[in-house]
Every structure is written in structure tokens, then in C-alpha cells.
Amino acid sequence: MNIFKYKEKSIFRPENLLREARRQKQIEYCHVPEICILDPDGDIIRYLRKKRLLRHSRHWACYHTELYNFEYKDLKFGVIGCVVGAPFAVLVAEELFVSGCSLLISITSAGSIAPSNTKNRFILIEKAVRDEGTSCHYVEPSPYSSINKHLLTRIRGSVPDIETATTWTTDGPFRETKSAIMLARKKGAVAVEMESSALYAFAEARKRKVICIAHITNNMGQMENDFEKGLENGSIGALEIIHKVTQVFNDKRDGEI
């Protein structure tokens, strides 16, 4: 493995893609909110739309997604829905950070793989087992991708009751076999999701602030009445935990990672 390839700049760059998209769509340049959210299931967006709290961003030039702005309590956010899977999540993350985002939060549904694991709770993903391909384009192969230690320390110091855990990131949701699950459990994973290891690898390579949160909602369909997320499909709980962790970074003394 040639580790020097990770320092080589890409020919295809997100700022150039967005430049051409703005030209084609006749969109003026405008910064996105400093704090942005990836909402893979779209539940937060559906809830905020129902409450008429969303404002569509006419300045977001991405070819694949729509960006919405909203305010929750004392903070302003941007949110993009239905960004499922590692390649898509990292594509959108790249575009957000060159558009003015300074903190990205991904809050994704996850399936429980630990026998004693309680469903329907939120966990801050401290590290993710790398079982997808996207992360290997950003940092050299390793067993895990992890949240930046500085971010983790700040969150734990300000939100001491937050639960942290390891997840398993996969590109094959319908290839979660018994042997694959057992291997992930041996590596410490309590749940399986599809984005976090790539997002953390991207954050490490690009020196960006990314926080991944998992909402453990199911047992991978192994029983009836699975995939129940709670009130408003979990969107209220999701907004609350997002607000808790982002208050930490609303302090301008946050510093660099």
C-alpha cells in the first residue's frame, strides 16, 4: 500500500463541481449554515416540514440533494435528508464543508447486534468498524475509524450522560450474515449502520469536525413490530441530542481540531 497516495490532491474537487452546478442552475453563491445535519431516514425533515419550520435553501447547488434551513431552540441548522450509505454521505459532506459548514452531524438508524442491547436509544459513535470501501480512499486501512479525540473530550465534558459505543459500518445491509455479525461483535460493535466509518475517515483526512450519532431502532427485522422509533419517528429525540452536542461547539473558544 502506497501511503503517499493519501496526500495526493484529487483532480475532481467538490468546489469545482458546485461552481459548475451554480452556473448551470443560475444560482448565486451563498454559505450554508455552520452546523449541518445528515438525516438518512428523512424523519427530521418530515417532522419539521409538518411543523412548518423548514426553509428551502435556494442557494444549495448539489445535483443530488435538497438543503433546508431551520432553527431549533437557540441554534441554526441546515439539514439534508435521505443521504444513505458511505459514498453518498461523504460526497455530500465534501460539498457542505466547501460551502461554509464547520460542524457536520450524521444521525442514522442502526440495527442492534448485541444480545443485551436495548433498542430505541441514541449513542454517540466513538469508533466504527471499517467494513466499507469509501474510508480507504481517505486514510490507509485500519480496523476502525474514530471520532476526533478533541471533539469527544468536549462532548463528554459538557454532556456527561451521553452514551458512547462502537458500531459496525457496512455497505451491504442485506449481507449482515451471522458470521459477519459475530465478527463485528468481537470487535466491540453493538450496532450496525452504513455511514460512520467513512465520515470519520473523511474527517480525519480533511481535518473537519464530524459527529456521528446512531439511533438504535431495530433488530434487523428479526421480529414483528420492529423499526419503531418513538415519538414522531424519533425526530424529537434526535433534535434534542443534536442540540445537546452542538451547544458544546456554539462556544467560539472551541478551537481547531
Protein backbone atom coordinates (compact mmCIF):
# COMPACT_ATOMS: atom_id res chain seq x y z
CA MET A 1 0.00 0.00 0.00
CA ASN A 2 1.43 3.36 -1.05
CA ILE A 3 0.60 5.61 1.89
CA PHE A 4 1.72 8.69 -0.05
CA LYS A 5 -1.36 8.44 -2.27
CA TYR A 6 -3.44 9.77 0.63
CA LYS A 7 -1.59 13.10 0.47
CA GLU A 8 -2.13 13.49 -3.26
CA LYS A 9 -4.80 16.01 -4.23
CA SER A 10 -7.83 14.90 -6.20
CA ILE A 11 -8.34 16.18 -9.73
CA PHE A 12 -12.12 16.19 -9.22
CA ARG A 13 -12.89 18.65 -6.43
CA PRO A 14 -16.21 19.50 -4.73
CA GLU A 15 -15.80 23.26 -5.08
CA ASN A 16 -15.40 22.87 -8.85
CA LEU A 17 -18.46 20.66 -9.11
CA LEU A 18 -20.54 23.19 -7.19
CA ARG A 19 -19.17 26.06 -9.27
CA GLU A 20 -20.43 24.42 -12.45
CA ALA A 21 -23.73 23.44 -10.84
CA ARG A 22 -24.31 27.07 -9.83
CA ARG A 23 -23.53 28.18 -13.37
CA GLN A 24 -25.91 25.69 -14.93
CA LYS A 25 -28.69 26.32 -12.43
CA GLN A 26 -28.08 30.10 -12.29
CA ILE A 27 -27.68 30.01 -8.52
CA GLU A 28 -25.78 32.66 -6.60
CA TYR A 29 -23.08 31.57 -4.16
CA CYS A 30 -24.15 31.61 -0.53
CA HIS A 31 -22.79 29.95 2.59
CA VAL A 32 -24.71 27.09 4.17
CA PRO A 33 -25.30 27.15 7.96
CA GLU A 34 -22.23 26.48 10.09
CA ILE A 35 -23.91 23.41 11.63
CA CYS A 36 -25.40 20.91 9.20
CA ILE A 37 -27.18 17.59 9.71
CA LEU A 38 -27.36 14.45 7.60
CA ASP A 39 -30.76 12.83 8.16
CA PRO A 40 -30.54 9.49 6.28
CA ASP A 41 -34.09 8.35 7.08
CA GLY A 42 -35.62 11.79 6.44
CA ASP A 43 -37.63 11.71 9.67
CA ILE A 44 -36.32 15.03 10.99
CA ILE A 45 -37.18 16.75 7.72
CA ARG A 46 -40.68 15.26 7.63
CA TYR A 47 -41.33 16.36 11.22
CA LEU A 48 -40.04 19.90 10.67
CA ARG A 49 -41.99 20.19 7.43
CA LYS A 50 -45.17 19.16 9.25
CA LYS A 51 -44.48 21.85 11.85
CA ARG A 52 -43.74 24.37 9.05
CA LEU A 53 -40.29 25.06 10.44
CA LEU A 54 -38.27 24.36 7.27
CA ARG A 55 -36.99 26.90 4.78
CA HIS A 56 -35.77 25.54 1.46
CA SER A 57 -32.31 26.79 0.54
CA ARG A 58 -32.32 28.16 -2.99
CA HIS A 59 -28.53 28.58 -2.90
CA TRP A 60 -27.62 24.91 -2.43
CA ALA A 61 -26.27 23.75 -5.79
CA CYS A 62 -25.80 19.99 -5.18
CA TYR A 63 -27.10 17.90 -8.08
CA HIS A 64 -28.40 15.14 -5.81
CA THR A 65 -29.91 16.70 -2.69
CA GLU A 66 -32.03 19.50 -1.25
CA LEU A 67 -30.83 21.57 1.71
CA TYR A 68 -33.25 23.03 4.24
CA ASN A 69 -32.59 25.59 6.97
CA PHE A 70 -34.30 25.66 10.35
CA GLU A 71 -33.89 26.95 13.89
CA TYR A 72 -34.18 24.76 16.96
CA LYS A 73 -34.14 26.50 20.33
CA ASP A 74 -31.15 28.86 20.16
CA LEU A 75 -29.28 27.33 17.22
CA LYS A 76 -29.49 27.47 13.42
CA PHE A 77 -29.04 24.36 11.30
CA GLY A 78 -29.00 23.09 7.76
CA VAL A 79 -30.35 19.60 7.10
CA ILE A 80 -30.24 17.20 4.15
CA GLY A 81 -32.40 14.10 4.08
CA CYS A 82 -32.07 10.58 2.70
CA VAL A 83 -28.27 10.57 2.40
CA VAL A 84 -27.88 6.81 2.83
CA GLY A 85 -24.61 4.91 2.59
CA ALA A 86 -20.95 5.80 2.89
CA PRO A 87 -20.18 7.06 -0.66
CA PHE A 88 -23.24 9.33 -0.74
CA ALA A 89 -22.65 10.64 2.80
CA VAL A 90 -19.04 11.56 2.04
CA LEU A 91 -19.95 13.18 -1.29
CA VAL A 92 -22.43 15.46 0.47
CA ALA A 93 -20.03 16.09 3.37
CA GLU A 94 -17.33 17.24 0.94
CA GLU A 95 -19.77 19.67 -0.67
CA LEU A 96 -21.07 21.03 2.64
CA PHE A 97 -17.65 21.81 4.04
CA VAL A 98 -16.54 23.76 0.97
CA SER A 99 -19.84 25.68 1.23
CA GLY A 100 -19.37 27.04 4.74
CA CYS A 101 -20.27 24.18 7.05
CA SER A 102 -17.94 23.91 10.07
CA LEU A 103 -19.63 21.08 12.01
CA LEU A 104 -21.45 18.12 10.45
CA ILE A 105 -23.67 15.74 12.39
CA SER A 106 -24.90 12.46 10.94
CA ILE A 107 -27.76 10.85 12.84
CA THR A 108 -28.59 7.47 11.40
CA SER A 109 -30.79 4.49 12.24
CA ALA A 110 -28.88 1.42 13.36
CA GLY A 111 -29.66 -2.22 13.98
CA SER A 112 -28.83 -3.82 17.30
CA ILE A 113 -26.31 -6.69 17.12
CA ALA A 114 -25.58 -7.10 20.85
CA PRO A 115 -27.82 -9.60 22.68
CA SER A 116 -28.36 -7.38 25.72
CA ASN A 117 -28.66 -4.21 23.70
CA THR A 118 -31.79 -2.15 24.37
CA LYS A 119 -33.49 -0.77 21.31
CA ASN A 120 -34.66 2.78 20.70
CA ARG A 121 -31.82 4.75 22.20
CA PHE A 122 -29.25 7.18 20.89
CA ILE A 123 -25.50 6.61 21.07
CA LEU A 124 -22.57 8.80 20.15
CA ILE A 125 -20.40 6.69 17.87
CA GLU A 126 -16.90 6.75 19.32
CA LYS A 127 -15.49 4.46 16.64
CA ALA A 128 -16.78 2.37 13.77
CA VAL A 129 -15.57 -0.94 12.38
CA ARG A 130 -14.47 -0.32 8.80
CA ASP A 131 -16.31 -2.74 6.54
CA GLU A 132 -16.94 -0.46 3.56
CA GLY A 133 -14.75 0.84 0.79
CA THR A 134 -15.11 4.61 0.94
CA SER A 135 -12.94 5.14 4.02
CA CYS A 136 -9.96 3.52 2.27
CA HIS A 137 -9.89 6.38 -0.23
CA TYR A 138 -9.22 8.83 2.62
CA VAL A 139 -6.97 7.07 5.13
CA GLU A 140 -4.93 3.90 4.97
CA PRO A 141 -6.60 0.64 6.08
CA SER A 142 -7.11 0.06 9.81
CA PRO A 143 -9.67 -1.79 11.92
CA TYR A 144 -11.61 1.32 12.96
CA SER A 145 -12.42 4.93 12.15
CA SER A 146 -12.85 7.15 15.20
CA ILE A 147 -14.28 10.49 16.20
CA ASN A 148 -11.69 13.18 16.71
CA LYS A 149 -10.41 12.94 20.30
CA HIS A 150 -10.75 16.68 20.87
CA LEU A 151 -14.42 16.58 19.90
CA LEU A 152 -15.05 13.52 22.04
CA THR A 153 -13.44 15.14 25.10
CA ARG A 154 -15.51 18.29 24.72
CA ILE A 155 -18.75 16.37 24.30
CA ARG A 156 -18.10 14.13 27.29
CA GLY A 157 -17.17 17.13 29.42
CA SER A 158 -20.36 19.02 28.58
CA VAL A 159 -22.80 16.12 28.10
CA PRO A 160 -21.58 13.60 30.71
CA ASP A 161 -24.66 11.39 30.44
CA ILE A 162 -24.24 10.72 26.72
CA GLU A 163 -23.71 7.06 25.84
CA THR A 164 -20.77 6.26 23.59
CA ALA A 165 -20.21 3.00 21.74
CA THR A 166 -18.68 1.23 18.75
CA THR A 167 -20.70 0.45 15.64
CA TRP A 168 -20.07 -1.57 12.50
CA THR A 169 -20.35 0.24 9.15
CA THR A 170 -21.33 -1.91 6.19
CA ASP A 171 -22.03 -1.32 2.51
CA GLY A 172 -24.18 -4.46 2.32
CA PRO A 173 -27.27 -4.10 4.54
CA PHE A 174 -28.77 -7.34 3.28
CA ARG A 175 -25.49 -9.21 3.72
CA GLU A 176 -25.49 -8.92 7.51
CA THR A 177 -24.86 -12.62 7.99
CA LYS A 178 -24.47 -14.44 11.28
CA SER A 179 -20.72 -14.80 10.83
CA ALA A 180 -20.30 -11.13 9.86
CA ILE A 181 -22.30 -10.05 12.90
CA MET A 182 -20.23 -12.26 15.18
CA LEU A 183 -17.01 -10.77 13.80
CA ALA A 184 -18.30 -7.23 14.33
CA ARG A 185 -19.32 -8.09 17.89
CA LYS A 186 -15.84 -9.46 18.59
CA LYS A 187 -14.53 -6.06 17.55
CA GLY A 188 -16.79 -4.39 20.10
CA ALA A 189 -19.65 -3.23 17.89
CA VAL A 190 -23.12 -3.00 19.44
CA ALA A 191 -24.98 -1.88 16.32
CA VAL A 192 -24.69 -1.77 12.54
CA GLU A 193 -25.13 1.28 10.27
CA MET A 194 -23.94 2.47 6.85
CA GLU A 195 -22.07 5.78 7.04
CA SER A 196 -19.94 6.44 10.13
CA SER A 197 -16.58 4.82 9.36
CA ALA A 198 -16.35 6.69 6.05
CA LEU A 199 -17.42 10.01 7.57
CA TYR A 200 -14.83 9.70 10.34
CA ALA A 201 -12.12 8.77 7.84
CA PHE A 202 -13.09 11.79 5.73
CA ALA A 203 -12.98 13.99 8.85
CA GLU A 204 -9.51 12.73 9.75
CA ALA A 205 -8.13 13.25 6.26
CA ARG A 206 -9.71 16.66 5.72
CA LYS A 207 -9.34 17.94 9.31
CA ARG A 208 -13.08 18.52 9.59
CA LYS A 209 -15.47 18.33 12.53
CA VAL A 210 -17.85 15.40 12.14
CA ILE A 211 -20.02 13.77 14.79
CA CYS A 212 -21.88 10.52 14.11
CA ILE A 213 -24.86 9.50 16.22
CA ALA A 214 -26.76 6.23 15.91
CA HIS A 215 -30.39 5.76 16.83
CA ILE A 216 -30.72 2.05 17.59
CA THR A 217 -34.19 1.31 16.26
CA ASN A 218 -34.37 -2.34 15.26
CA ASN A 219 -33.20 -5.92 15.47
CA MET A 220 -32.79 -6.17 11.70
CA GLY A 221 -36.37 -7.30 11.23
CA GLN A 222 -35.98 -10.48 13.29
CA MET A 223 -39.33 -9.94 14.99
CA GLU A 224 -42.68 -8.32 14.24
CA ASN A 225 -43.27 -4.71 15.25
CA ASP A 226 -39.61 -3.89 14.64
CA PHE A 227 -38.28 -0.50 13.48
CA GLU A 228 -40.38 1.51 15.94
CA LYS A 229 -38.56 4.79 16.59
CA GLY A 230 -40.73 6.50 19.17
CA LEU A 231 -42.49 9.86 19.14
CA GLU A 232 -42.62 11.43 15.66
CA ASN A 233 -40.46 8.57 14.36
CA GLY A 234 -37.68 9.55 16.73
CA SER A 235 -37.27 13.04 15.30
CA ILE A 236 -37.90 14.87 18.58
CA GLY A 237 -35.34 12.76 20.42
CA ALA A 238 -32.92 13.24 17.54
CA LEU A 239 -33.26 17.02 17.66
CA GLU A 240 -32.71 17.01 21.41
CA ILE A 241 -29.46 15.05 21.26
CA ILE A 242 -28.26 17.15 18.32
CA HIS A 243 -28.92 20.29 20.32
CA LYS A 244 -27.04 18.92 23.33
CA VAL A 245 -23.87 18.09 21.43
CA THR A 246 -23.89 21.23 19.28
CA GLN A 247 -24.23 23.57 22.24
CA VAL A 248 -20.69 22.47 23.09
CA PHE A 249 -19.43 23.98 19.83
CA ASN A 250 -21.52 27.13 19.94
CA ASP A 251 -18.73 28.46 22.15
CA LYS A 252 -16.31 30.31 19.83
CA ARG A 253 -13.43 29.23 22.08
CA ASP A 254 -13.86 25.77 20.62
CA GLY A 255 -10.54 25.95 18.73
CA GLU A 256 -9.19 23.82 15.94
CA ILE A 257 -9.05 20.05 15.71
